[in-house]
Amino acid sequence: MDLRWKRYSVTKGVLFRMSFFLPIVIEKLERRRELQ
């Protein structure tokens, strides 16, 4: 029970970080595409 909860919280944290960083990465890729 505890292990499963730990894994769930870690997955939640990773998803939260991804949702925060993904727009920044996409924006950088779009700018790089415009420069070329």
N, C-alpha and C. Protein backbone atom coordinates (compact mmCIF):
# COMPACT_ATOMS: atom_id res chain seq x y z
N MET A 1 0.85 -1.20 0.00
CA MET A 1 0.00 0.00 0.00
C MET A 1 0.89 1.25 0.00
N ASP A 2 1.87 1.26 0.89
CA ASP A 2 2.74 2.44 1.00
C ASP A 2 3.58 2.60 -0.27
N LEU A 3 4.10 1.47 -0.78
CA LEU A 3 4.95 1.53 -1.98
C LEU A 3 4.15 2.06 -3.16
N ARG A 4 2.91 1.57 -3.29
CA ARG A 4 2.07 2.01 -4.40
C ARG A 4 1.80 3.51 -4.30
N TRP A 5 1.54 3.99 -3.11
CA TRP A 5 1.27 5.42 -2.92
C TRP A 5 2.50 6.24 -3.26
N LYS A 6 3.68 5.71 -2.88
CA LYS A 6 4.92 6.41 -3.17
C LYS A 6 5.10 6.54 -4.68
N ARG A 7 4.89 5.44 -5.38
CA ARG A 7 5.05 5.46 -6.83
C ARG A 7 4.05 6.41 -7.47
N TYR A 8 2.83 6.44 -6.94
CA TYR A 8 1.80 7.33 -7.48
C TYR A 8 2.19 8.79 -7.31
N SER A 9 2.71 9.12 -6.13
CA SER A 9 3.09 10.51 -5.86
C SER A 9 4.28 10.91 -6.74
N VAL A 10 5.21 9.98 -6.97
CA VAL A 10 6.36 10.27 -7.83
C VAL A 10 5.88 10.51 -9.26
N THR A 11 4.97 9.64 -9.74
CA THR A 11 4.44 9.80 -11.09
C THR A 11 3.72 11.13 -11.22
N LYS A 12 2.96 11.50 -10.18
CA LYS A 12 2.24 12.77 -10.19
C LYS A 12 3.23 13.93 -10.28
N GLY A 13 4.32 13.85 -9.53
CA GLY A 13 5.32 14.92 -9.55
C GLY A 13 5.97 15.03 -10.92
N VAL A 14 6.27 13.88 -11.53
CA VAL A 14 6.89 13.90 -12.86
C VAL A 14 5.94 14.51 -13.88
N LEU A 15 4.67 14.11 -13.82
CA LEU A 15 3.69 14.66 -14.75
C LEU A 15 3.55 16.16 -14.55
N PHE A 16 3.59 16.61 -13.29
CA PHE A 16 3.46 18.04 -13.01
C PHE A 16 4.65 18.80 -13.59
N ARG A 17 5.85 18.23 -13.42
CA ARG A 17 7.04 18.87 -13.96
C ARG A 17 7.00 18.90 -15.48
N MET A 18 6.58 17.78 -16.08
CA MET A 18 6.49 17.72 -17.55
C MET A 18 5.52 18.76 -18.06
N SER A 19 4.36 18.89 -17.40
CA SER A 19 3.36 19.86 -17.85
C SER A 19 3.88 21.27 -17.71
N PHE A 20 4.86 21.48 -16.81
CA PHE A 20 5.44 22.81 -16.64
C PHE A 20 6.53 23.08 -17.68
N PHE A 21 7.35 22.05 -17.96
CA PHE A 21 8.49 22.25 -18.87
C PHE A 21 8.11 22.11 -20.34
N LEU A 22 7.09 21.30 -20.63
CA LEU A 22 6.74 21.02 -22.02
C LEU A 22 6.46 22.27 -22.83
N PRO A 23 5.64 23.22 -22.35
CA PRO A 23 5.39 24.44 -23.13
C PRO A 23 6.66 25.22 -23.42
N ILE A 24 7.60 25.25 -22.48
CA ILE A 24 8.85 25.98 -22.69
C ILE A 24 9.66 25.31 -23.80
N VAL A 25 9.72 23.98 -23.77
CA VAL A 25 10.47 23.24 -24.79
C VAL A 25 9.84 23.45 -26.16
N ILE A 26 8.51 23.39 -26.22
CA ILE A 26 7.81 23.58 -27.49
C ILE A 26 8.08 24.97 -28.02
N GLU A 27 8.06 25.97 -27.14
CA GLU A 27 8.31 27.34 -27.57
C GLU A 27 9.72 27.47 -28.14
N LYS A 28 10.70 26.85 -27.49
CA LYS A 28 12.08 26.90 -28.00
C LYS A 28 12.18 26.24 -29.36
N LEU A 29 11.50 25.09 -29.52
CA LEU A 29 11.54 24.40 -30.81
C LEU A 29 10.91 25.25 -31.89
N GLU A 30 9.81 25.92 -31.57
CA GLU A 30 9.15 26.78 -32.56
C GLU A 30 10.06 27.93 -32.97
N ARG A 31 10.74 28.54 -32.01
CA ARG A 31 11.65 29.65 -32.33
C ARG A 31 12.80 29.18 -33.20
N ARG A 32 13.33 28.00 -32.88
CA ARG A 32 14.44 27.45 -33.66
C ARG A 32 13.99 27.19 -35.09
N ARG A 33 12.75 26.73 -35.25
CA ARG A 33 12.21 26.45 -36.57
C ARG A 33 12.06 27.75 -37.36
N GLU A 34 11.67 28.82 -36.68
CA GLU A 34 11.50 30.10 -37.36
C GLU A 34 12.84 30.66 -37.81
N LEU A 35 13.90 30.44 -37.03
CA LEU A 35 15.22 30.98 -37.37
C LEU A 35 15.77 30.31 -38.63
N GLN A 36 15.51 29.03 -38.80
CA GLN A 36 16.06 28.31 -39.96
C GLN A 36 15.41 28.73 -41.26
